[in-house]
Amino acid sequence: MLSSHFGVQGIPSLVIVDKDGSVISKEGRGAISGDPAGADFPWYPKPVGTVAKDVSVVNEVPTVVAFCEGDAEACEAAVAAMTPPAQRFREAARAAAEEDPAFAFLVATDSCDTTARLRSMTGLAEASPPRLMLLDIPDNGGFYEGPEGPVTAEAVEQLLADYQARTVARKQLQT
């Protein structure tokens, strides 16, 4: 059955499949509704998404989130800092014929309800400087605090290394 093959858990769902049968996106509905003219067809996911549009990934894989809403320069810097590791993990997943990369990467660009909920669940104050967090919902709702301040490539790589080495303290999301 197609739903089990593609891991569909909700209806309606739209999975976008490449000509070789590989999954381009399990978030086809959002991709198409966000681009009704089809300018970005076939809607390959961007290496770094936004909390407002791409948050469902946090339920699938550990996800690095840069909270820098309302600060366009900080958001742009966060995307630039997270793009190289995001591409590296995507390429590794593709080479291993895995559907999902080991990590996903998101930026909270605005103060939407989802961003407010994530801040609440991590105990992060609403008005704060940019902050990196690593959400590991697949691990029973764990999260890991990264540094506060400008989101740099070094800060992203250090958070990933600390997480992988288990040298950063695991905290529990509050529901």
N, C-alpha and C. Protein backbone atom coordinates (compact mmCIF):
# COMPACT_ATOMS: atom_id res chain seq x y z
N MET A 1 0.84 -1.18 0.00
CA MET A 1 0.00 0.00 0.00
C MET A 1 0.89 1.25 0.00
N LEU A 2 0.51 2.23 -0.78
CA LEU A 2 1.32 3.43 -0.91
C LEU A 2 1.52 4.17 0.41
N SER A 3 0.48 4.25 1.22
CA SER A 3 0.60 5.01 2.47
C SER A 3 1.68 4.42 3.37
N SER A 4 1.77 3.13 3.48
CA SER A 4 2.81 2.53 4.32
C SER A 4 4.18 2.65 3.66
N HIS A 5 4.24 2.54 2.33
CA HIS A 5 5.51 2.65 1.63
C HIS A 5 6.14 4.03 1.84
N PHE A 6 5.32 5.08 1.81
CA PHE A 6 5.83 6.43 1.96
C PHE A 6 5.71 6.97 3.39
N GLY A 7 5.27 6.16 4.33
CA GLY A 7 5.18 6.59 5.72
C GLY A 7 4.11 7.63 5.97
N VAL A 8 3.06 7.62 5.19
CA VAL A 8 1.98 8.59 5.36
C VAL A 8 1.20 8.26 6.63
N GLN A 9 1.05 9.27 7.49
CA GLN A 9 0.34 9.07 8.74
C GLN A 9 -0.91 9.93 8.84
N GLY A 10 -1.09 10.83 7.92
CA GLY A 10 -2.26 11.71 7.98
C GLY A 10 -2.87 11.88 6.61
N ILE A 11 -4.12 12.23 6.61
CA ILE A 11 -4.83 12.45 5.36
C ILE A 11 -5.41 13.85 5.43
N PRO A 12 -5.34 14.66 4.44
CA PRO A 12 -4.74 14.38 3.14
C PRO A 12 -3.22 14.53 3.19
N SER A 13 -2.54 13.80 2.36
CA SER A 13 -1.09 13.87 2.22
C SER A 13 -0.73 13.87 0.75
N LEU A 14 0.38 14.51 0.44
CA LEU A 14 0.88 14.51 -0.92
C LEU A 14 2.39 14.33 -0.85
N VAL A 15 2.86 13.20 -1.37
CA VAL A 15 4.28 12.91 -1.43
C VAL A 15 4.73 13.19 -2.86
N ILE A 16 5.79 13.98 -3.01
CA ILE A 16 6.34 14.28 -4.33
C ILE A 16 7.50 13.32 -4.56
N VAL A 17 7.41 12.58 -5.68
CA VAL A 17 8.39 11.55 -5.99
C VAL A 17 9.15 11.93 -7.25
N ASP A 18 10.47 11.70 -7.24
CA ASP A 18 11.31 11.97 -8.39
C ASP A 18 11.14 10.88 -9.44
N LYS A 19 11.65 11.09 -10.63
CA LYS A 19 11.49 10.13 -11.71
C LYS A 19 12.13 8.78 -11.41
N ASP A 20 13.11 8.75 -10.48
CA ASP A 20 13.73 7.48 -10.12
C ASP A 20 13.02 6.78 -8.96
N GLY A 21 11.93 7.38 -8.49
CA GLY A 21 11.15 6.79 -7.41
C GLY A 21 11.55 7.27 -6.03
N SER A 22 12.60 8.06 -5.93
CA SER A 22 13.01 8.58 -4.63
C SER A 22 12.08 9.71 -4.20
N VAL A 23 11.94 9.87 -2.91
CA VAL A 23 11.06 10.90 -2.37
C VAL A 23 11.74 12.26 -2.43
N ILE A 24 11.09 13.20 -3.07
CA ILE A 24 11.55 14.59 -3.07
C ILE A 24 11.08 15.26 -1.80
N SER A 25 9.80 15.09 -1.48
CA SER A 25 9.23 15.73 -0.30
C SER A 25 7.98 14.99 0.15
N LYS A 26 7.88 14.82 1.47
CA LYS A 26 6.64 14.30 2.05
C LYS A 26 5.68 15.44 2.38
N GLU A 27 6.14 16.65 2.16
CA GLU A 27 5.36 17.85 2.47
C GLU A 27 4.86 18.51 1.18
N GLY A 28 4.37 17.71 0.26
CA GLY A 28 3.93 18.22 -1.03
C GLY A 28 2.82 19.24 -0.95
N ARG A 29 1.89 19.04 -0.04
CA ARG A 29 0.78 20.00 0.08
C ARG A 29 1.30 21.38 0.41
N GLY A 30 2.21 21.47 1.36
CA GLY A 30 2.77 22.76 1.73
C GLY A 30 3.60 23.37 0.63
N ALA A 31 4.37 22.52 -0.07
CA ALA A 31 5.20 23.01 -1.16
C ALA A 31 4.36 23.63 -2.26
N ILE A 32 3.31 22.94 -2.64
CA ILE A 32 2.46 23.41 -3.73
C ILE A 32 1.66 24.64 -3.31
N SER A 33 1.10 24.61 -2.11
CA SER A 33 0.31 25.77 -1.68
C SER A 33 1.19 27.00 -1.48
N GLY A 34 2.46 26.80 -1.15
CA GLY A 34 3.37 27.91 -0.98
C GLY A 34 3.95 28.42 -2.30
N ASP A 35 3.73 27.68 -3.37
CA ASP A 35 4.25 28.04 -4.69
C ASP A 35 3.23 27.66 -5.76
N PRO A 36 2.04 28.29 -5.75
CA PRO A 36 0.98 27.88 -6.68
C PRO A 36 1.35 28.05 -8.15
N ALA A 37 2.29 28.93 -8.47
CA ALA A 37 2.69 29.11 -9.87
C ALA A 37 3.68 28.04 -10.32
N GLY A 38 4.22 27.27 -9.37
CA GLY A 38 5.15 26.21 -9.72
C GLY A 38 6.55 26.69 -10.05
N ALA A 39 6.93 27.86 -9.59
CA ALA A 39 8.25 28.42 -9.90
C ALA A 39 9.39 27.55 -9.36
N ASP A 40 9.18 26.87 -8.24
CA ASP A 40 10.23 26.05 -7.64
C ASP A 40 10.07 24.57 -7.92
N PHE A 41 9.18 24.21 -8.89
CA PHE A 41 8.95 22.82 -9.24
C PHE A 41 10.28 22.14 -9.56
N PRO A 42 10.53 20.96 -9.05
CA PRO A 42 9.65 19.99 -8.38
C PRO A 42 9.69 20.08 -6.85
N TRP A 43 10.02 21.22 -6.33
CA TRP A 43 9.92 21.50 -4.90
C TRP A 43 10.86 20.67 -4.03
N TYR A 44 12.13 20.61 -4.45
CA TYR A 44 13.13 19.99 -3.57
C TYR A 44 13.21 20.83 -2.30
N PRO A 45 13.28 20.19 -1.14
CA PRO A 45 13.37 20.97 0.10
C PRO A 45 14.65 21.80 0.13
N LYS A 46 14.55 22.97 0.68
CA LYS A 46 15.74 23.81 0.86
C LYS A 46 16.57 23.20 1.99
N PRO A 47 17.89 23.37 1.95
CA PRO A 47 18.73 22.80 3.01
C PRO A 47 18.35 23.32 4.40
N VAL A 48 18.01 24.61 4.46
CA VAL A 48 17.61 25.23 5.73
C VAL A 48 16.19 25.75 5.53
N GLY A 49 15.26 25.22 6.32
CA GLY A 49 13.87 25.63 6.23
C GLY A 49 13.54 26.67 7.27
N THR A 50 12.25 27.00 7.35
CA THR A 50 11.78 27.92 8.38
C THR A 50 10.82 27.19 9.31
N VAL A 51 10.77 27.64 10.53
CA VAL A 51 9.86 27.05 11.51
C VAL A 51 8.42 27.17 11.01
N ALA A 52 8.07 28.32 10.45
CA ALA A 52 6.69 28.55 10.01
C ALA A 52 6.25 27.56 8.93
N LYS A 53 7.14 27.18 8.02
CA LYS A 53 6.75 26.34 6.90
C LYS A 53 7.16 24.87 7.03
N ASP A 54 8.23 24.60 7.76
CA ASP A 54 8.85 23.27 7.69
C ASP A 54 8.98 22.57 9.04
N VAL A 55 8.23 22.99 10.03
CA VAL A 55 8.42 22.50 11.39
C VAL A 55 8.15 21.00 11.55
N SER A 56 7.38 20.40 10.67
CA SER A 56 7.05 18.98 10.86
C SER A 56 8.29 18.10 10.89
N VAL A 57 9.39 18.57 10.34
CA VAL A 57 10.63 17.78 10.33
C VAL A 57 11.12 17.48 11.74
N VAL A 58 10.77 18.33 12.71
CA VAL A 58 11.26 18.09 14.07
C VAL A 58 10.74 16.79 14.66
N ASN A 59 9.65 16.28 14.12
CA ASN A 59 9.11 15.00 14.59
C ASN A 59 9.84 13.81 14.00
N GLU A 60 10.66 14.04 12.97
CA GLU A 60 11.33 12.96 12.26
C GLU A 60 12.79 12.78 12.66
N VAL A 61 13.53 13.89 12.73
CA VAL A 61 14.98 13.83 12.98
C VAL A 61 15.40 14.93 13.94
N PRO A 62 16.53 14.76 14.62
CA PRO A 62 17.05 15.87 15.44
C PRO A 62 17.21 17.11 14.56
N THR A 63 16.81 18.25 15.09
CA THR A 63 16.74 19.46 14.28
C THR A 63 17.39 20.63 14.99
N VAL A 64 18.34 21.27 14.31
CA VAL A 64 18.97 22.48 14.82
C VAL A 64 18.07 23.65 14.44
N VAL A 65 17.70 24.43 15.45
CA VAL A 65 16.83 25.59 15.23
C VAL A 65 17.55 26.85 15.68
N ALA A 66 17.59 27.84 14.80
CA ALA A 66 18.12 29.16 15.15
C ALA A 66 16.93 30.07 15.42
N PHE A 67 16.79 30.48 16.67
CA PHE A 67 15.73 31.41 17.06
C PHE A 67 16.27 32.83 16.89
N CYS A 68 15.82 33.51 15.86
CA CYS A 68 16.28 34.88 15.63
C CYS A 68 15.18 35.71 14.96
N GLU A 69 13.95 35.42 15.35
CA GLU A 69 12.81 36.05 14.71
C GLU A 69 12.83 37.56 14.85
N GLY A 70 12.41 38.18 13.75
CA GLY A 70 12.32 39.63 13.72
C GLY A 70 13.62 40.34 13.38
N ASP A 71 14.71 39.61 13.24
CA ASP A 71 16.01 40.20 12.94
C ASP A 71 16.49 39.64 11.60
N ALA A 72 16.20 40.38 10.53
CA ALA A 72 16.50 39.88 9.18
C ALA A 72 17.98 39.55 8.99
N GLU A 73 18.86 40.39 9.53
CA GLU A 73 20.30 40.13 9.38
C GLU A 73 20.70 38.86 10.12
N ALA A 74 20.18 38.67 11.31
CA ALA A 74 20.50 37.47 12.09
C ALA A 74 19.96 36.22 11.40
N CYS A 75 18.76 36.32 10.82
CA CYS A 75 18.18 35.19 10.09
C CYS A 75 19.02 34.84 8.88
N GLU A 76 19.44 35.85 8.14
CA GLU A 76 20.28 35.62 6.96
C GLU A 76 21.61 34.98 7.36
N ALA A 77 22.21 35.47 8.44
CA ALA A 77 23.47 34.89 8.92
C ALA A 77 23.28 33.44 9.37
N ALA A 78 22.14 33.16 10.00
CA ALA A 78 21.86 31.80 10.46
C ALA A 78 21.72 30.84 9.27
N VAL A 79 21.01 31.27 8.24
CA VAL A 79 20.87 30.43 7.05
C VAL A 79 22.24 30.18 6.43
N ALA A 80 23.06 31.21 6.33
CA ALA A 80 24.40 31.05 5.76
C ALA A 80 25.26 30.10 6.60
N ALA A 81 25.14 30.19 7.92
CA ALA A 81 25.93 29.33 8.80
C ALA A 81 25.47 27.89 8.78
N MET A 82 24.17 27.68 8.61
CA MET A 82 23.63 26.32 8.67
C MET A 82 23.59 25.60 7.32
N THR A 83 23.71 26.33 6.24
CA THR A 83 23.60 25.70 4.92
C THR A 83 24.69 24.67 4.65
N PRO A 84 25.98 24.94 4.92
CA PRO A 84 26.98 23.90 4.65
C PRO A 84 26.75 22.58 5.40
N PRO A 85 26.51 22.59 6.72
CA PRO A 85 26.25 21.29 7.35
C PRO A 85 24.93 20.66 6.88
N ALA A 86 23.93 21.48 6.59
CA ALA A 86 22.66 20.94 6.10
C ALA A 86 22.88 20.21 4.78
N GLN A 87 23.64 20.82 3.89
CA GLN A 87 23.94 20.17 2.61
C GLN A 87 24.77 18.90 2.82
N ARG A 88 25.72 18.96 3.72
CA ARG A 88 26.57 17.79 4.01
C ARG A 88 25.74 16.61 4.49
N PHE A 89 24.80 16.85 5.40
CA PHE A 89 23.98 15.76 5.93
C PHE A 89 22.98 15.26 4.88
N ARG A 90 22.48 16.14 4.03
CA ARG A 90 21.58 15.71 2.95
C ARG A 90 22.33 14.82 1.95
N GLU A 91 23.54 15.24 1.60
CA GLU A 91 24.34 14.45 0.65
C GLU A 91 24.70 13.09 1.23
N ALA A 92 25.01 13.04 2.52
CA ALA A 92 25.33 11.77 3.17
C ALA A 92 24.12 10.85 3.17
N ALA A 93 22.95 11.39 3.42
CA ALA A 93 21.72 10.58 3.41
C ALA A 93 21.45 10.06 2.01
N ARG A 94 21.62 10.92 1.02
CA ARG A 94 21.40 10.51 -0.36
C ARG A 94 22.37 9.40 -0.76
N ALA A 95 23.65 9.54 -0.39
CA ALA A 95 24.66 8.54 -0.72
C ALA A 95 24.37 7.20 -0.05
N ALA A 96 23.75 7.25 1.12
CA ALA A 96 23.40 6.02 1.86
C ALA A 96 22.01 5.52 1.50
N ALA A 97 21.37 6.17 0.52
CA ALA A 97 20.01 5.83 0.09
C ALA A 97 19.02 5.90 1.24
N GLU A 98 19.22 6.87 2.12
CA GLU A 98 18.30 7.10 3.24
C GLU A 98 17.41 8.27 2.89
N GLU A 99 16.17 8.16 3.33
CA GLU A 99 15.19 9.19 3.01
C GLU A 99 15.44 10.49 3.77
N ASP A 100 15.78 10.39 5.04
CA ASP A 100 15.97 11.58 5.87
C ASP A 100 17.44 11.75 6.23
N PRO A 101 17.91 13.00 6.27
CA PRO A 101 19.28 13.23 6.74
C PRO A 101 19.34 13.02 8.26
N ALA A 102 20.54 12.90 8.79
CA ALA A 102 20.71 12.69 10.23
C ALA A 102 20.21 13.89 11.03
N PHE A 103 20.29 15.09 10.44
CA PHE A 103 19.85 16.32 11.09
C PHE A 103 19.08 17.18 10.10
N ALA A 104 18.15 17.97 10.62
CA ALA A 104 17.47 18.99 9.84
C ALA A 104 17.84 20.35 10.44
N PHE A 105 17.59 21.40 9.67
CA PHE A 105 18.00 22.74 10.08
C PHE A 105 16.87 23.72 9.78
N LEU A 106 16.48 24.50 10.79
CA LEU A 106 15.40 25.48 10.65
C LEU A 106 15.81 26.82 11.25
N VAL A 107 15.21 27.87 10.72
CA VAL A 107 15.36 29.21 11.29
C VAL A 107 13.98 29.72 11.66
N ALA A 108 13.86 30.23 12.87
CA ALA A 108 12.63 30.90 13.31
C ALA A 108 12.76 32.35 12.86
N THR A 109 12.08 32.68 11.75
CA THR A 109 12.22 34.01 11.16
C THR A 109 11.19 35.02 11.67
N ASP A 110 10.08 34.49 12.18
CA ASP A 110 9.05 35.39 12.70
C ASP A 110 8.40 34.78 13.93
N SER A 111 7.65 35.59 14.63
CA SER A 111 7.04 35.17 15.89
C SER A 111 5.68 34.52 15.66
N CYS A 112 5.65 33.47 14.88
CA CYS A 112 4.39 32.76 14.63
C CYS A 112 4.03 31.90 15.85
N ASP A 113 2.84 31.35 15.84
CA ASP A 113 2.39 30.51 16.95
C ASP A 113 3.34 29.32 17.19
N THR A 114 3.84 28.74 16.11
CA THR A 114 4.73 27.59 16.25
C THR A 114 6.03 27.98 16.94
N THR A 115 6.60 29.12 16.55
CA THR A 115 7.81 29.60 17.20
C THR A 115 7.55 29.87 18.68
N ALA A 116 6.44 30.50 18.99
CA ALA A 116 6.09 30.78 20.39
C ALA A 116 5.96 29.47 21.18
N ARG A 117 5.36 28.47 20.56
CA ARG A 117 5.20 27.17 21.23
C ARG A 117 6.56 26.51 21.47
N LEU A 118 7.45 26.55 20.50
CA LEU A 118 8.79 25.97 20.69
C LEU A 118 9.55 26.72 21.78
N ARG A 119 9.43 28.04 21.79
CA ARG A 119 10.08 28.82 22.86
C ARG A 119 9.53 28.41 24.22
N SER A 120 8.24 28.26 24.31
CA SER A 120 7.62 27.86 25.57
C SER A 120 8.10 26.47 26.01
N MET A 121 8.15 25.55 25.07
CA MET A 121 8.54 24.17 25.39
C MET A 121 10.01 24.06 25.82
N THR A 122 10.85 25.01 25.36
CA THR A 122 12.27 24.98 25.73
C THR A 122 12.60 25.96 26.86
N GLY A 123 11.60 26.74 27.29
CA GLY A 123 11.84 27.71 28.35
C GLY A 123 12.63 28.92 27.87
N LEU A 124 12.63 29.16 26.58
CA LEU A 124 13.36 30.28 26.00
C LEU A 124 12.47 31.53 26.02
N ALA A 125 12.98 32.60 26.61
CA ALA A 125 12.22 33.85 26.71
C ALA A 125 11.86 34.38 25.33
N GLU A 126 10.74 35.07 25.25
CA GLU A 126 10.27 35.61 23.96
C GLU A 126 11.23 36.62 23.36
N ALA A 127 11.64 37.58 24.12
CA ALA A 127 12.55 38.61 23.61
C ALA A 127 13.96 38.28 24.07
N SER A 128 14.71 37.62 23.21
CA SER A 128 16.07 37.25 23.57
C SER A 128 16.96 37.36 22.34
N PRO A 129 18.27 37.45 22.57
CA PRO A 129 19.19 37.47 21.42
C PRO A 129 19.07 36.16 20.64
N PRO A 130 19.62 36.11 19.43
CA PRO A 130 19.58 34.86 18.68
C PRO A 130 20.12 33.70 19.51
N ARG A 131 19.52 32.52 19.30
CA ARG A 131 19.91 31.36 20.11
C ARG A 131 19.76 30.09 19.29
N LEU A 132 20.75 29.23 19.37
CA LEU A 132 20.68 27.91 18.75
C LEU A 132 20.15 26.90 19.74
N MET A 133 19.30 26.02 19.26
CA MET A 133 18.81 24.89 20.05
C MET A 133 18.82 23.67 19.13
N LEU A 134 19.00 22.52 19.71
CA LEU A 134 18.86 21.28 18.95
C LEU A 134 17.70 20.52 19.57
N LEU A 135 16.63 20.37 18.81
CA LEU A 135 15.44 19.65 19.28
C LEU A 135 15.55 18.20 18.85
N ASP A 136 15.38 17.29 19.79
CA ASP A 136 15.42 15.86 19.47
C ASP A 136 14.13 15.22 19.95
N ILE A 137 13.04 15.59 19.31
CA ILE A 137 11.73 15.05 19.67
C ILE A 137 11.68 13.54 19.50
N PRO A 138 12.34 12.96 18.48
CA PRO A 138 12.32 11.49 18.39
C PRO A 138 12.92 10.80 19.63
N ASP A 139 13.74 11.51 20.39
CA ASP A 139 14.30 10.97 21.63
C ASP A 139 13.42 11.40 22.81
N ASN A 140 12.15 11.06 22.73
CA ASN A 140 11.21 11.35 23.81
C ASN A 140 11.18 12.82 24.23
N GLY A 141 11.34 13.71 23.27
CA GLY A 141 11.20 15.14 23.55
C GLY A 141 12.40 15.78 24.18
N GLY A 142 13.58 15.35 23.81
CA GLY A 142 14.78 15.98 24.35
C GLY A 142 15.13 17.24 23.59
N PHE A 143 15.89 18.11 24.24
CA PHE A 143 16.47 19.26 23.53
C PHE A 143 17.78 19.63 24.19
N TYR A 144 18.58 20.36 23.43
CA TYR A 144 19.94 20.73 23.85
C TYR A 144 20.14 22.20 23.54
N GLU A 145 20.63 22.93 24.54
CA GLU A 145 20.82 24.37 24.36
C GLU A 145 22.16 24.65 23.72
N GLY A 146 22.11 25.47 22.67
CA GLY A 146 23.33 25.94 22.03
C GLY A 146 23.64 27.33 22.55
N PRO A 147 24.62 27.96 21.94
CA PRO A 147 25.02 29.28 22.41
C PRO A 147 24.01 30.37 22.07
N GLU A 148 24.06 31.42 22.88
CA GLU A 148 23.26 32.61 22.64
C GLU A 148 24.16 33.62 21.94
N GLY A 149 23.59 34.36 21.00
CA GLY A 149 24.37 35.36 20.27
C GLY A 149 24.35 35.05 18.79
N PRO A 150 25.22 35.70 18.05
CA PRO A 150 25.22 35.50 16.60
C PRO A 150 25.35 34.02 16.22
N VAL A 151 24.58 33.60 15.25
CA VAL A 151 24.64 32.22 14.77
C VAL A 151 25.73 32.16 13.71
N THR A 152 26.81 31.48 14.06
CA THR A 152 27.96 31.35 13.16
C THR A 152 28.14 29.90 12.76
N ALA A 153 28.91 29.68 11.71
CA ALA A 153 29.22 28.31 11.28
C ALA A 153 29.90 27.54 12.40
N GLU A 154 30.78 28.21 13.12
CA GLU A 154 31.49 27.55 14.22
C GLU A 154 30.53 27.13 15.32
N ALA A 155 29.58 27.99 15.65
CA ALA A 155 28.61 27.67 16.71
C ALA A 155 27.73 26.49 16.30
N VAL A 156 27.31 26.45 15.04
CA VAL A 156 26.49 25.34 14.55
C VAL A 156 27.28 24.04 14.60
N GLU A 157 28.50 24.06 14.09
CA GLU A 157 29.33 22.84 14.07
C GLU A 157 29.64 22.38 15.50
N GLN A 158 29.85 23.32 16.41
CA GLN A 158 30.15 22.94 17.79
C GLN A 158 28.95 22.29 18.47
N LEU A 159 27.76 22.84 18.24
CA LEU A 159 26.55 22.24 18.81
C LEU A 159 26.36 20.82 18.27
N LEU A 160 26.55 20.64 16.98
CA LEU A 160 26.43 19.30 16.39
C LEU A 160 27.46 18.34 16.98
N ALA A 161 28.70 18.80 17.10
CA ALA A 161 29.76 17.95 17.65
C ALA A 161 29.48 17.59 19.11
N ASP A 162 29.03 18.57 19.89
CA ASP A 162 28.72 18.32 21.30
C ASP A 162 27.55 17.35 21.43
N TYR A 163 26.55 17.50 20.60
CA TYR A 163 25.41 16.58 20.61
C TYR A 163 25.86 15.16 20.26
N GLN A 164 26.63 15.02 19.21
CA GLN A 164 27.08 13.70 18.78
C GLN A 164 28.00 13.04 19.80
N ALA A 165 28.79 13.85 20.51
CA ALA A 165 29.68 13.33 21.54
C ALA A 165 28.98 13.18 22.89
N ARG A 166 27.74 13.64 22.95
CA ARG A 166 26.94 13.62 24.18
C ARG A 166 27.62 14.40 25.32
N THR A 167 28.22 15.55 24.95
CA THR A 167 28.87 16.39 25.95
C THR A 167 28.04 17.63 26.30
N VAL A 168 26.86 17.74 25.70
CA VAL A 168 25.93 18.81 26.03
C VAL A 168 24.76 18.19 26.79
N ALA A 169 24.31 18.90 27.81
CA ALA A 169 23.26 18.34 28.68
C ALA A 169 21.92 18.20 27.95
N ARG A 170 21.32 17.04 28.09
CA ARG A 170 19.97 16.80 27.54
C ARG A 170 18.95 17.39 28.50
N LYS A 171 18.00 18.11 27.95
CA LYS A 171 16.88 18.65 28.72
C LYS A 171 15.60 18.11 28.14
N GLN A 172 14.52 18.21 28.90
CA GLN A 172 13.23 17.68 28.46
C GLN A 172 12.30 18.81 28.05
N LEU A 173 11.72 18.69 26.86
CA LEU A 173 10.73 19.66 26.43
C LEU A 173 9.55 19.65 27.38
N GLN A 174 9.02 20.83 27.67
CA GLN A 174 7.86 20.96 28.53
C GLN A 174 6.62 21.11 27.67
N THR A 175 5.64 20.28 27.91
CA THR A 175 4.42 20.34 27.10
C THR A 175 3.31 21.08 27.79
